[in-house]
Amino acid sequence: MRGFPATAPLVEAAREAVLAVAPQASEAPYASKRPSSPSTMWKLTRFGDARGHVVGIGTFHRHATLFFFRGVELEDPDRILEGGGKQFRSVTLRSPEDARRPQVTRLLKQAFQRGG
């Protein structure tokens, strides 16, 4: 998997978290190139089902992001989802352990139950 060297463990932990919840999910890498600005997300891959995309993984220079395509529909009692757009919401990952948090697992399960 591509990405910045410093965030490679975060990206791999995010990928493992997705596949632990949805081993049947299809994975489609983005054909994007490394961004020139450190404030721009480098979208690496996305996972989905027969109904469409469910979750994606992107990275910045110092952290990774799990972004949910239908994030506004997810129940988030722990308030870990970030963002204010019409559909997308994301979770920031600053360590591999962040991807393994029970709150993240619950969001992933919900997202795949709702589908793409």
PDB file of N, CA and C in Angstrom:
ATOM      1  N   MET A   1       0.853  -1.176   0.000  1.00  0.00           N
ATOM      2  CA  MET A   1       0.000   0.000   0.000  1.00  0.00           C
ATOM      3  C   MET A   1       0.888   1.225   0.000  1.00  0.00           C
ATOM      4  N   ARG A   2       0.534   2.169  -0.822  1.00  0.00           N
ATOM      5  CA  ARG A   2       1.309   3.407  -0.890  1.00  0.00           C
ATOM      6  C   ARG A   2       0.985   4.291   0.311  1.00  0.00           C
ATOM      7  N   GLY A   3       1.674   5.387   0.376  1.00  0.00           N
ATOM      8  CA  GLY A   3       1.438   6.354   1.438  1.00  0.00           C
ATOM      9  C   GLY A   3       2.758   6.945   1.884  1.00  0.00           C
ATOM     10  N   PHE A   4       2.668   7.794   2.873  1.00  0.00           N
ATOM     11  CA  PHE A   4       3.868   8.392   3.433  1.00  0.00           C
ATOM     12  C   PHE A   4       4.533   7.379   4.361  1.00  0.00           C
ATOM     13  N   PRO A   5       5.852   7.283   4.369  1.00  0.00           N
ATOM     14  CA  PRO A   5       6.516   6.303   5.229  1.00  0.00           C
ATOM     15  C   PRO A   5       6.128   6.422   6.705  1.00  0.00           C
ATOM     16  N   ALA A   6       5.983   7.635   7.204  1.00  0.00           N
ATOM     17  CA  ALA A   6       5.671   7.831   8.619  1.00  0.00           C
ATOM     18  C   ALA A   6       4.283   7.326   8.990  1.00  0.00           C
ATOM     19  N   THR A   7       3.371   7.286   8.023  1.00  0.00           N
ATOM     20  CA  THR A   7       2.006   6.872   8.347  1.00  0.00           C
ATOM     21  C   THR A   7       1.670   5.463   7.861  1.00  0.00           C
ATOM     22  N   ALA A   8       2.619   4.782   7.276  1.00  0.00           N
ATOM     23  CA  ALA A   8       2.370   3.432   6.763  1.00  0.00           C
ATOM     24  C   ALA A   8       1.791   2.485   7.825  1.00  0.00           C
ATOM     25  N   PRO A   9       2.296   2.493   9.079  1.00  0.00           N
ATOM     26  CA  PRO A   9       1.690   1.610  10.084  1.00  0.00           C
ATOM     27  C   PRO A   9       0.231   1.977  10.387  1.00  0.00           C
ATOM     28  N   LEU A  10      -0.108   3.248  10.302  1.00  0.00           N
ATOM     29  CA  LEU A  10      -1.483   3.687  10.550  1.00  0.00           C
ATOM     30  C   LEU A  10      -2.399   3.208   9.428  1.00  0.00           C
ATOM     31  N   VAL A  11      -1.928   3.333   8.205  1.00  0.00           N
ATOM     32  CA  VAL A  11      -2.707   2.911   7.047  1.00  0.00           C
ATOM     33  C   VAL A  11      -2.931   1.403   7.095  1.00  0.00           C
ATOM     34  N   GLU A  12      -1.905   0.657   7.422  1.00  0.00           N
ATOM     35  CA  GLU A  12      -2.045  -0.801   7.499  1.00  0.00           C
ATOM     36  C   GLU A  12      -2.997  -1.208   8.623  1.00  0.00           C
ATOM     37  N   ALA A  13      -2.923  -0.538   9.773  1.00  0.00           N
ATOM     38  CA  ALA A  13      -3.852  -0.825  10.881  1.00  0.00           C
ATOM     39  C   ALA A  13      -5.287  -0.511  10.485  1.00  0.00           C
ATOM     40  N   ALA A  14      -5.497   0.565   9.747  1.00  0.00           N
ATOM     41  CA  ALA A  14      -6.842   0.921   9.285  1.00  0.00           C
ATOM     42  C   ALA A  14      -7.364  -0.140   8.316  1.00  0.00           C
ATOM     43  N   ARG A  15      -6.512  -0.570   7.417  1.00  0.00           N
ATOM     44  CA  ARG A  15      -6.903  -1.606   6.449  1.00  0.00           C
ATOM     45  C   ARG A  15      -7.264  -2.903   7.166  1.00  0.00           C
ATOM     46  N   GLU A  16      -6.465  -3.284   8.150  1.00  0.00           N
ATOM     47  CA  GLU A  16      -6.749  -4.493   8.930  1.00  0.00           C
ATOM     48  C   GLU A  16      -8.067  -4.364   9.684  1.00  0.00           C
ATOM     49  N   ALA A  17      -8.351  -3.176  10.223  1.00  0.00           N
ATOM     50  CA  ALA A  17      -9.602  -2.954  10.956  1.00  0.00           C
ATOM     51  C   ALA A  17     -10.807  -3.115  10.037  1.00  0.00           C
ATOM     52  N   VAL A  18     -10.709  -2.572   8.835  1.00  0.00           N
ATOM     53  CA  VAL A  18     -11.807  -2.696   7.875  1.00  0.00           C
ATOM     54  C   VAL A  18     -12.025  -4.158   7.512  1.00  0.00           C
ATOM     55  N   LEU A  19     -10.955  -4.855   7.172  1.00  0.00           N
ATOM     56  CA  LEU A  19     -11.080  -6.247   6.742  1.00  0.00           C
ATOM     57  C   LEU A  19     -11.485  -7.183   7.872  1.00  0.00           C
ATOM     58  N   ALA A  20     -11.195  -6.819   9.123  1.00  0.00           N
ATOM     59  CA  ALA A  20     -11.642  -7.633  10.259  1.00  0.00           C
ATOM     60  C   ALA A  20     -13.167  -7.568  10.389  1.00  0.00           C
ATOM     61  N   VAL A  21     -13.736  -6.418  10.077  1.00  0.00           N
ATOM     62  CA  VAL A  21     -15.181  -6.233  10.165  1.00  0.00           C
ATOM     63  C   VAL A  21     -15.877  -6.738   8.902  1.00  0.00           C
ATOM     64  N   ALA A  22     -15.260  -6.527   7.760  1.00  0.00           N
ATOM     65  CA  ALA A  22     -15.890  -6.862   6.479  1.00  0.00           C
ATOM     66  C   ALA A  22     -14.903  -7.582   5.569  1.00  0.00           C
ATOM     67  N   PRO A  23     -14.592  -8.842   5.872  1.00  0.00           N
ATOM     68  CA  PRO A  23     -13.611  -9.559   5.058  1.00  0.00           C
ATOM     69  C   PRO A  23     -14.054  -9.750   3.608  1.00  0.00           C
ATOM     70  N   GLN A  24     -15.343  -9.655   3.349  1.00  0.00           N
ATOM     71  CA  GLN A  24     -15.867  -9.818   1.999  1.00  0.00           C
ATOM     72  C   GLN A  24     -15.853  -8.514   1.198  1.00  0.00           C
ATOM     73  N   ALA A  25     -15.480  -7.416   1.827  1.00  0.00           N
ATOM     74  CA  ALA A  25     -15.507  -6.108   1.154  1.00  0.00           C
ATOM     75  C   ALA A  25     -14.565  -6.088  -0.045  1.00  0.00           C
ATOM     76  N   SER A  26     -14.992  -5.407  -1.079  1.00  0.00           N
ATOM     77  CA  SER A  26     -14.120  -5.226  -2.237  1.00  0.00           C
ATOM     78  C   SER A  26     -13.244  -4.001  -1.987  1.00  0.00           C
ATOM     79  N   GLU A  27     -12.011  -4.081  -2.403  1.00  0.00           N
ATOM     80  CA  GLU A  27     -11.058  -2.982  -2.219  1.00  0.00           C
ATOM     81  C   GLU A  27     -10.699  -2.404  -3.578  1.00  0.00           C
ATOM     82  N   ALA A  28     -10.750  -1.082  -3.663  1.00  0.00           N
ATOM     83  CA  ALA A  28     -10.412  -0.394  -4.914  1.00  0.00           C
ATOM     84  C   ALA A  28      -9.441   0.736  -4.607  1.00  0.00           C
ATOM     85  N   PRO A  29      -8.176   0.591  -5.004  1.00  0.00           N
ATOM     86  CA  PRO A  29      -7.210   1.670  -4.772  1.00  0.00           C
ATOM     87  C   PRO A  29      -7.551   2.909  -5.600  1.00  0.00           C
ATOM     88  N   TYR A  30      -7.266   4.054  -5.032  1.00  0.00           N
ATOM     89  CA  TYR A  30      -7.379   5.303  -5.783  1.00  0.00           C
ATOM     90  C   TYR A  30      -6.165   5.426  -6.696  1.00  0.00           C
ATOM     91  N   ALA A  31      -6.329   6.072  -7.807  1.00  0.00           N
ATOM     92  CA  ALA A  31      -5.228   6.307  -8.737  1.00  0.00           C
ATOM     93  C   ALA A  31      -4.668   7.711  -8.537  1.00  0.00           C
ATOM     94  N   SER A  32      -4.634   8.141  -7.295  1.00  0.00           N
ATOM     95  CA  SER A  32      -4.172   9.505  -7.010  1.00  0.00           C
ATOM     96  C   SER A  32      -2.664   9.533  -6.795  1.00  0.00           C
ATOM     97  N   LYS A  33      -2.122  10.710  -6.932  1.00  0.00           N
ATOM     98  CA  LYS A  33      -0.692  10.908  -6.737  1.00  0.00           C
ATOM     99  C   LYS A  33      -0.450  11.645  -5.427  1.00  0.00           C
ATOM    100  N   ARG A  34       0.752  11.529  -4.949  1.00  0.00           N
ATOM    101  CA  ARG A  34       1.149  12.198  -3.714  1.00  0.00           C
ATOM    102  C   ARG A  34       0.845  13.698  -3.817  1.00  0.00           C
ATOM    103  N   PRO A  35       0.107  14.241  -2.850  1.00  0.00           N
ATOM    104  CA  PRO A  35      -0.213  15.670  -2.917  1.00  0.00           C
ATOM    105  C   PRO A  35       1.008  16.534  -2.625  1.00  0.00           C
ATOM    106  N   SER A  36       1.009  17.715  -3.189  1.00  0.00           N
ATOM    107  CA  SER A  36       2.134  18.621  -2.967  1.00  0.00           C
ATOM    108  C   SER A  36       1.986  19.401  -1.664  1.00  0.00           C
ATOM    109  N   SER A  37       0.769  19.514  -1.166  1.00  0.00           N
ATOM    110  CA  SER A  37       0.528  20.253   0.070  1.00  0.00           C
ATOM    111  C   SER A  37       0.373  19.292   1.247  1.00  0.00           C
ATOM    112  N   PRO A  38       1.019  19.585   2.385  1.00  0.00           N
ATOM    113  CA  PRO A  38       0.877  18.706   3.548  1.00  0.00           C
ATOM    114  C   PRO A  38      -0.524  18.750   4.151  1.00  0.00           C
ATOM    115  N   SER A  39      -1.336  19.718   3.764  1.00  0.00           N
ATOM    116  CA  SER A  39      -2.690  19.806   4.316  1.00  0.00           C
ATOM    117  C   SER A  39      -3.724  19.117   3.418  1.00  0.00           C
ATOM    118  N   THR A  40      -3.270  18.439   2.376  1.00  0.00           N
ATOM    119  CA  THR A  40      -4.166  17.735   1.467  1.00  0.00           C
ATOM    120  C   THR A  40      -4.100  16.238   1.737  1.00  0.00           C
ATOM    121  N   MET A  41      -5.278  15.601   1.846  1.00  0.00           N
ATOM    122  CA  MET A  41      -5.311  14.167   2.076  1.00  0.00           C
ATOM    123  C   MET A  41      -4.931  13.415   0.804  1.00  0.00           C
ATOM    124  N   TRP A  42      -4.127  12.383   0.982  1.00  0.00           N
ATOM    125  CA  TRP A  42      -3.774  11.467  -0.091  1.00  0.00           C
ATOM    126  C   TRP A  42      -4.704  10.271   0.050  1.00  0.00           C
ATOM    127  N   LYS A  43      -5.726  10.187  -0.789  1.00  0.00           N
ATOM    128  CA  LYS A  43      -6.663   9.075  -0.744  1.00  0.00           C
ATOM    129  C   LYS A  43      -5.976   7.843  -1.332  1.00  0.00           C
ATOM    130  N   LEU A  44      -5.951   6.769  -0.539  1.00  0.00           N
ATOM    131  CA  LEU A  44      -5.211   5.579  -0.953  1.00  0.00           C
ATOM    132  C   LEU A  44      -6.107   4.462  -1.455  1.00  0.00           C
ATOM    133  N   THR A  45      -7.147   4.133  -0.693  1.00  0.00           N
ATOM    134  CA  THR A  45      -7.993   2.999  -1.067  1.00  0.00           C
ATOM    135  C   THR A  45      -9.385   3.186  -0.496  1.00  0.00           C
ATOM    136  N   ARG A  46     -10.333   2.445  -1.051  1.00  0.00           N
ATOM    137  CA  ARG A  46     -11.697   2.472  -0.540  1.00  0.00           C
ATOM    138  C   ARG A  46     -12.249   1.050  -0.578  1.00  0.00           C
ATOM    139  N   PHE A  47     -13.192   0.800   0.308  1.00  0.00           N
ATOM    140  CA  PHE A  47     -13.802  -0.517   0.439  1.00  0.00           C
ATOM    141  C   PHE A  47     -15.306  -0.370   0.270  1.00  0.00           C
ATOM    142  N   GLY A  48     -15.915  -1.395  -0.305  1.00  0.00           N
ATOM    143  CA  GLY A  48     -17.348  -1.316  -0.484  1.00  0.00           C
ATOM    144  C   GLY A  48     -17.980  -2.678  -0.625  1.00  0.00           C
ATOM    145  N   ASP A  49     -19.267  -2.618  -0.954  1.00  0.00           N
ATOM    146  CA  ASP A  49     -20.044  -3.824  -1.183  1.00  0.00           C
ATOM    147  C   ASP A  49     -20.786  -3.661  -2.503  1.00  0.00           C
ATOM    148  N   ALA A  50     -21.736  -4.514  -2.759  1.00  0.00           N
ATOM    149  CA  ALA A  50     -22.468  -4.464  -4.026  1.00  0.00           C
ATOM    150  C   ALA A  50     -23.248  -3.162  -4.199  1.00  0.00           C
ATOM    151  N   ARG A  51     -23.509  -2.460  -3.083  1.00  0.00           N
ATOM    152  CA  ARG A  51     -24.288  -1.218  -3.144  1.00  0.00           C
ATOM    153  C   ARG A  51     -23.421   0.024  -3.330  1.00  0.00           C
ATOM    154  N   GLY A  52     -22.111  -0.112  -3.219  1.00  0.00           N
ATOM    155  CA  GLY A  52     -21.233   1.034  -3.420  1.00  0.00           C
ATOM    156  C   GLY A  52     -20.137   1.134  -2.381  1.00  0.00           C
ATOM    157  N   HIS A  53     -19.481   2.287  -2.363  1.00  0.00           N
ATOM    158  CA  HIS A  53     -18.371   2.521  -1.436  1.00  0.00           C
ATOM    159  C   HIS A  53     -18.900   2.761  -0.027  1.00  0.00           C
ATOM    160  N   VAL A  54     -18.179   2.216   0.947  1.00  0.00           N
ATOM    161  CA  VAL A  54     -18.578   2.327   2.348  1.00  0.00           C
ATOM    162  C   VAL A  54     -17.582   3.167   3.131  1.00  0.00           C
ATOM    163  N   VAL A  55     -16.304   2.819   3.026  1.00  0.00           N
ATOM    164  CA  VAL A  55     -15.270   3.499   3.804  1.00  0.00           C
ATOM    165  C   VAL A  55     -13.991   3.606   2.979  1.00  0.00           C
ATOM    166  N   GLY A  56     -13.239   4.665   3.227  1.00  0.00           N
ATOM    167  CA  GLY A  56     -11.972   4.845   2.546  1.00  0.00           C
ATOM    168  C   GLY A  56     -10.856   5.131   3.541  1.00  0.00           C
ATOM    169  N   ILE A  57      -9.642   5.005   3.065  1.00  0.00           N
ATOM    170  CA  ILE A  57      -8.464   5.299   3.885  1.00  0.00           C
ATOM    171  C   ILE A  57      -7.633   6.331   3.142  1.00  0.00           C
ATOM    172  N   GLY A  58      -7.275   7.364   3.850  1.00  0.00           N
ATOM    173  CA  GLY A  58      -6.406   8.390   3.305  1.00  0.00           C
ATOM    174  C   GLY A  58      -5.337   8.736   4.318  1.00  0.00           C
ATOM    175  N   THR A  59      -4.343   9.478   3.879  1.00  0.00           N
ATOM    176  CA  THR A  59      -3.270   9.839   4.790  1.00  0.00           C
ATOM    177  C   THR A  59      -2.812  11.272   4.549  1.00  0.00           C
ATOM    178  N   PHE A  60      -2.363  11.859   5.607  1.00  0.00           N
ATOM    179  CA  PHE A  60      -1.684  13.150   5.575  1.00  0.00           C
ATOM    180  C   PHE A  60      -0.237  12.847   5.958  1.00  0.00           C
ATOM    181  N   HIS A  61       0.564  13.857   6.181  1.00  0.00           N
ATOM    182  CA  HIS A  61       1.972  13.614   6.516  1.00  0.00           C
ATOM    183  C   HIS A  61       2.165  12.985   7.895  1.00  0.00           C
ATOM    184  N   ARG A  62       1.262  13.299   8.843  1.00  0.00           N
ATOM    185  CA  ARG A  62       1.469  12.842  10.220  1.00  0.00           C
ATOM    186  C   ARG A  62       0.346  11.984  10.786  1.00  0.00           C
ATOM    187  N   HIS A  63      -0.743  11.820  10.054  1.00  0.00           N
ATOM    188  CA  HIS A  63      -1.825  10.974  10.535  1.00  0.00           C
ATOM    189  C   HIS A  63      -2.581  10.380   9.351  1.00  0.00           C
ATOM    190  N   ALA A  64      -3.369   9.367   9.642  1.00  0.00           N
ATOM    191  CA  ALA A  64      -4.207   8.737   8.621  1.00  0.00           C
ATOM    192  C   ALA A  64      -5.663   9.009   8.964  1.00  0.00           C
ATOM    193  N   THR A  65      -6.536   8.721   8.017  1.00  0.00           N
ATOM    194  CA  THR A  65      -7.952   8.989   8.185  1.00  0.00           C
ATOM    195  C   THR A  65      -8.771   7.836   7.621  1.00  0.00           C
ATOM    196  N   LEU A  66      -9.765   7.418   8.394  1.00  0.00           N
ATOM    197  CA  LEU A  66     -10.801   6.531   7.887  1.00  0.00           C
ATOM    198  C   LEU A  66     -11.968   7.433   7.539  1.00  0.00           C
ATOM    199  N   PHE A  67     -12.399   7.448   6.297  1.00  0.00           N
ATOM    200  CA  PHE A  67     -13.533   8.310   5.970  1.00  0.00           C
ATOM    201  C   PHE A  67     -14.708   7.458   5.513  1.00  0.00           C
ATOM    202  N   PHE A  68     -15.862   7.823   6.036  1.00  0.00           N
ATOM    203  CA  PHE A  68     -17.098   7.083   5.818  1.00  0.00           C
ATOM    204  C   PHE A  68     -17.947   7.818   4.788  1.00  0.00           C
ATOM    205  N   PHE A  69     -18.282   7.143   3.709  1.00  0.00           N
ATOM    206  CA  PHE A  69     -19.020   7.763   2.621  1.00  0.00           C
ATOM    207  C   PHE A  69     -20.417   8.219   3.045  1.00  0.00           C
ATOM    208  N   ARG A  70     -21.051   7.480   3.951  1.00  0.00           N
ATOM    209  CA  ARG A  70     -22.376   7.856   4.461  1.00  0.00           C
ATOM    210  C   ARG A  70     -22.279   8.148   5.961  1.00  0.00           C
ATOM    211  N   GLY A  71     -21.246   8.848   6.320  1.00  0.00           N
ATOM    212  CA  GLY A  71     -20.947   9.092   7.725  1.00  0.00           C
ATOM    213  C   GLY A  71     -22.017   9.830   8.498  1.00  0.00           C
ATOM    214  N   VAL A  72     -22.775  10.700   7.842  1.00  0.00           N
ATOM    215  CA  VAL A  72     -23.820  11.454   8.546  1.00  0.00           C
ATOM    216  C   VAL A  72     -24.914  10.534   9.072  1.00  0.00           C
ATOM    217  N   GLU A  73     -25.031   9.340   8.523  1.00  0.00           N
ATOM    218  CA  GLU A  73     -26.074   8.399   8.932  1.00  0.00           C
ATOM    219  C   GLU A  73     -25.660   7.525  10.113  1.00  0.00           C
ATOM    220  N   LEU A  74     -24.409   7.588  10.504  1.00  0.00           N
ATOM    221  CA  LEU A  74     -23.912   6.709  11.562  1.00  0.00           C
ATOM    222  C   LEU A  74     -24.214   7.262  12.949  1.00  0.00           C
ATOM    223  N   GLU A  75     -24.577   6.360  13.844  1.00  0.00           N
ATOM    224  CA  GLU A  75     -24.739   6.733  15.241  1.00  0.00           C
ATOM    225  C   GLU A  75     -23.355   6.807  15.864  1.00  0.00           C
ATOM    226  N   ASP A  76     -23.081   7.903  16.538  1.00  0.00           N
ATOM    227  CA  ASP A  76     -21.742   8.158  17.081  1.00  0.00           C
ATOM    228  C   ASP A  76     -21.847   8.695  18.509  1.00  0.00           C
ATOM    229  N   PRO A  77     -22.264   7.848  19.451  1.00  0.00           N
ATOM    230  CA  PRO A  77     -22.420   8.330  20.831  1.00  0.00           C
ATOM    231  C   PRO A  77     -21.102   8.792  21.456  1.00  0.00           C
ATOM    232  N   ASP A  78     -19.985   8.286  20.966  1.00  0.00           N
ATOM    233  CA  ASP A  78     -18.678   8.668  21.515  1.00  0.00           C
ATOM    234  C   ASP A  78     -18.121   9.936  20.860  1.00  0.00           C
ATOM    235  N   ARG A  79     -18.811  10.404  19.844  1.00  0.00           N
ATOM    236  CA  ARG A  79     -18.460  11.651  19.155  1.00  0.00           C
ATOM    237  C   ARG A  79     -17.018  11.655  18.632  1.00  0.00           C
ATOM    238  N   ILE A  80     -16.668  10.575  17.944  1.00  0.00           N
ATOM    239  CA  ILE A  80     -15.314  10.509  17.372  1.00  0.00           C
ATOM    240  C   ILE A  80     -15.304  10.872  15.889  1.00  0.00           C
ATOM    241  N   LEU A  81     -16.487  10.947  15.285  1.00  0.00           N
ATOM    242  CA  LEU A  81     -16.552  11.337  13.879  1.00  0.00           C
ATOM    243  C   LEU A  81     -16.313  12.830  13.735  1.00  0.00           C
ATOM    244  N   GLU A  82     -15.583  13.194  12.693  1.00  0.00           N
ATOM    245  CA  GLU A  82     -15.264  14.593  12.420  1.00  0.00           C
ATOM    246  C   GLU A  82     -15.791  14.954  11.038  1.00  0.00           C
ATOM    247  N   GLY A  83     -16.004  16.229  10.825  1.00  0.00           N
ATOM    248  CA  GLY A  83     -16.401  16.716   9.515  1.00  0.00           C
ATOM    249  C   GLY A  83     -17.767  17.365   9.546  1.00  0.00           C
ATOM    250  N   GLY A  84     -18.009  18.165   8.548  1.00  0.00           N
ATOM    251  CA  GLY A  84     -19.257  18.895   8.499  1.00  0.00           C
ATOM    252  C   GLY A  84     -19.888  18.943   7.122  1.00  0.00           C
ATOM    253  N   GLY A  85     -19.467  18.059   6.237  1.00  0.00           N
ATOM    254  CA  GLY A  85     -20.027  18.040   4.893  1.00  0.00           C
ATOM    255  C   GLY A  85     -21.404  17.400   4.855  1.00  0.00           C
ATOM    256  N   LYS A  86     -21.951  17.268   3.670  1.00  0.00           N
ATOM    257  CA  LYS A  86     -23.302  16.727   3.511  1.00  0.00           C
ATOM    258  C   LYS A  86     -23.378  15.230   3.789  1.00  0.00           C
ATOM    259  N   GLN A  87     -22.334  14.476   3.489  1.00  0.00           N
ATOM    260  CA  GLN A  87     -22.372  13.021   3.642  1.00  0.00           C
ATOM    261  C   GLN A  87     -21.190  12.436   4.416  1.00  0.00           C
ATOM    262  N   PHE A  88     -19.992  12.847   4.064  1.00  0.00           N
ATOM    263  CA  PHE A  88     -18.779  12.229   4.607  1.00  0.00           C
ATOM    264  C   PHE A  88     -18.555  12.612   6.066  1.00  0.00           C
ATOM    265  N   ARG A  89     -18.001  11.664   6.817  1.00  0.00           N
ATOM    266  CA  ARG A  89     -17.462  11.910   8.147  1.00  0.00           C
ATOM    267  C   ARG A  89     -16.201  11.070   8.243  1.00  0.00           C
ATOM    268  N   SER A  90     -15.300  11.440   9.137  1.00  0.00           N
ATOM    269  CA  SER A  90     -14.030  10.729   9.225  1.00  0.00           C
ATOM    270  C   SER A  90     -13.579  10.569  10.664  1.00  0.00           C
ATOM    271  N   VAL A  91     -12.638   9.657  10.843  1.00  0.00           N
ATOM    272  CA  VAL A  91     -11.980   9.413  12.132  1.00  0.00           C
ATOM    273  C   VAL A  91     -10.488   9.569  11.893  1.00  0.00           C
ATOM    274  N   THR A  92      -9.842  10.390  12.702  1.00  0.00           N
ATOM    275  CA  THR A  92      -8.402  10.601  12.602  1.00  0.00           C
ATOM    276  C   THR A  92      -7.673   9.499  13.362  1.00  0.00           C
ATOM    277  N   LEU A  93      -6.644   8.956  12.747  1.00  0.00           N
ATOM    278  CA  LEU A  93      -5.825   7.904  13.354  1.00  0.00           C
ATOM    279  C   LEU A  93      -4.407   8.440  13.537  1.00  0.00           C
ATOM    280  N   ARG A  94      -3.993   8.559  14.785  1.00  0.00           N
ATOM    281  CA  ARG A  94      -2.645   9.055  15.088  1.00  0.00           C
ATOM    282  C   ARG A  94      -1.701   7.939  15.539  1.00  0.00           C
ATOM    283  N   SER A  95      -2.265   6.773  15.816  1.00  0.00           N
ATOM    284  CA  SER A  95      -1.467   5.603  16.164  1.00  0.00           C
ATOM    285  C   SER A  95      -2.205   4.371  15.647  1.00  0.00           C
ATOM    286  N   PRO A  96      -1.506   3.267  15.435  1.00  0.00           N
ATOM    287  CA  PRO A  96      -2.195   2.050  14.994  1.00  0.00           C
ATOM    288  C   PRO A  96      -3.289   1.612  15.965  1.00  0.00           C
ATOM    289  N   GLU A  97      -3.088   1.881  17.244  1.00  0.00           N
ATOM    290  CA  GLU A  97      -4.085   1.510  18.247  1.00  0.00           C
ATOM    291  C   GLU A  97      -5.407   2.243  18.035  1.00  0.00           C
ATOM    292  N   ASP A  98      -5.362   3.442  17.480  1.00  0.00           N
ATOM    293  CA  ASP A  98      -6.596   4.192  17.213  1.00  0.00           C
ATOM    294  C   ASP A  98      -7.527   3.415  16.289  1.00  0.00           C
ATOM    295  N   ALA A  99      -6.967   2.703  15.327  1.00  0.00           N
ATOM    296  CA  ALA A  99      -7.781   1.926  14.387  1.00  0.00           C
ATOM    297  C   ALA A  99      -8.414   0.714  15.047  1.00  0.00           C
ATOM    298  N   ARG A 100      -7.880   0.307  16.193  1.00  0.00           N
ATOM    299  CA  ARG A 100      -8.366  -0.891  16.888  1.00  0.00           C
ATOM    300  C   ARG A 100      -9.335  -0.558  18.018  1.00  0.00           C
ATOM    301  N   ARG A 101      -9.626   0.716  18.217  1.00  0.00           N
ATOM    302  CA  ARG A 101     -10.526   1.111  19.295  1.00  0.00           C
ATOM    303  C   ARG A 101     -11.926   0.536  19.066  1.00  0.00           C
ATOM    304  N   PRO A 102     -12.604   0.122  20.117  1.00  0.00           N
ATOM    305  CA  PRO A 102     -13.958  -0.418  19.970  1.00  0.00           C
ATOM    306  C   PRO A 102     -14.919   0.566  19.291  1.00  0.00           C
ATOM    307  N   GLN A 103     -14.719   1.851  19.521  1.00  0.00           N
ATOM    308  CA  GLN A 103     -15.598   2.849  18.902  1.00  0.00           C
ATOM    309  C   GLN A 103     -15.457   2.834  17.373  1.00  0.00           C
ATOM    310  N   VAL A 104     -14.237   2.635  16.907  1.00  0.00           N
ATOM    311  CA  VAL A 104     -13.991   2.576  15.460  1.00  0.00           C
ATOM    312  C   VAL A 104     -14.602   1.297  14.893  1.00  0.00           C
ATOM    313  N   THR A 105     -14.440   0.194  15.596  1.00  0.00           N
ATOM    314  CA  THR A 105     -15.029  -1.076  15.157  1.00  0.00           C
ATOM    315  C   THR A 105     -16.540  -0.955  15.051  1.00  0.00           C
ATOM    316  N   ARG A 106     -17.176  -0.311  16.033  1.00  0.00           N
ATOM    317  CA  ARG A 106     -18.632  -0.129  15.987  1.00  0.00           C
ATOM    318  C   ARG A 106     -19.051   0.697  14.766  1.00  0.00           C
ATOM    319  N   LEU A 107     -18.313   1.754  14.476  1.00  0.00           N
ATOM    320  CA  LEU A 107     -18.633   2.575  13.312  1.00  0.00           C
ATOM    321  C   LEU A 107     -18.478   1.783  12.010  1.00  0.00           C
ATOM    322  N   LEU A 108     -17.414   1.001  11.923  1.00  0.00           N
ATOM    323  CA  LEU A 108     -17.192   0.188  10.732  1.00  0.00           C
ATOM    324  C   LEU A 108     -18.322  -0.823  10.552  1.00  0.00           C
ATOM    325  N   LYS A 109     -18.722  -1.475  11.634  1.00  0.00           N
ATOM    326  CA  LYS A 109     -19.829  -2.447  11.548  1.00  0.00           C
ATOM    327  C   LYS A 109     -21.103  -1.772  11.074  1.00  0.00           C
ATOM    328  N   GLN A 110     -21.422  -0.638  11.674  1.00  0.00           N
ATOM    329  CA  GLN A 110     -22.605   0.111  11.257  1.00  0.00           C
ATOM    330  C   GLN A 110     -22.547   0.469   9.781  1.00  0.00           C
ATOM    331  N   ALA A 111     -21.397   0.986   9.364  1.00  0.00           N
ATOM    332  CA  ALA A 111     -21.248   1.434   7.982  1.00  0.00           C
ATOM    333  C   ALA A 111     -21.470   0.273   6.999  1.00  0.00           C
ATOM    334  N   PHE A 112     -20.919  -0.887   7.295  1.00  0.00           N
ATOM    335  CA  PHE A 112     -21.088  -2.016   6.388  1.00  0.00           C
ATOM    336  C   PHE A 112     -22.484  -2.606   6.479  1.00  0.00           C
ATOM    337  N   GLN A 113     -23.155  -2.478   7.615  1.00  0.00           N
ATOM    338  CA  GLN A 113     -24.551  -2.918   7.698  1.00  0.00           C
ATOM    339  C   GLN A 113     -25.433  -2.042   6.815  1.00  0.00           C
ATOM    340  N   ARG A 114     -25.144  -0.752   6.777  1.00  0.00           N
ATOM    341  CA  ARG A 114     -25.915   0.181   5.938  1.00  0.00           C
ATOM    342  C   ARG A 114     -25.553   0.026   4.460  1.00  0.00           C
ATOM    343  N   GLY A 115     -24.309  -0.334   4.217  1.00  0.00           N
ATOM    344  CA  GLY A 115     -23.854  -0.531   2.846  1.00  0.00           C
ATOM    345  C   GLY A 115     -23.515   0.767   2.137  1.00  0.00           C
ATOM    346  N   GLY A 116     -23.066   0.626   0.913  1.00  0.00           N
ATOM    347  CA  GLY A 116     -22.646   1.776   0.122  1.00  0.00           C
ATOM    348  C   GLY A 116     -23.778   2.421  -0.636  1.00  0.00           C
TER     349      GLY A 116
END
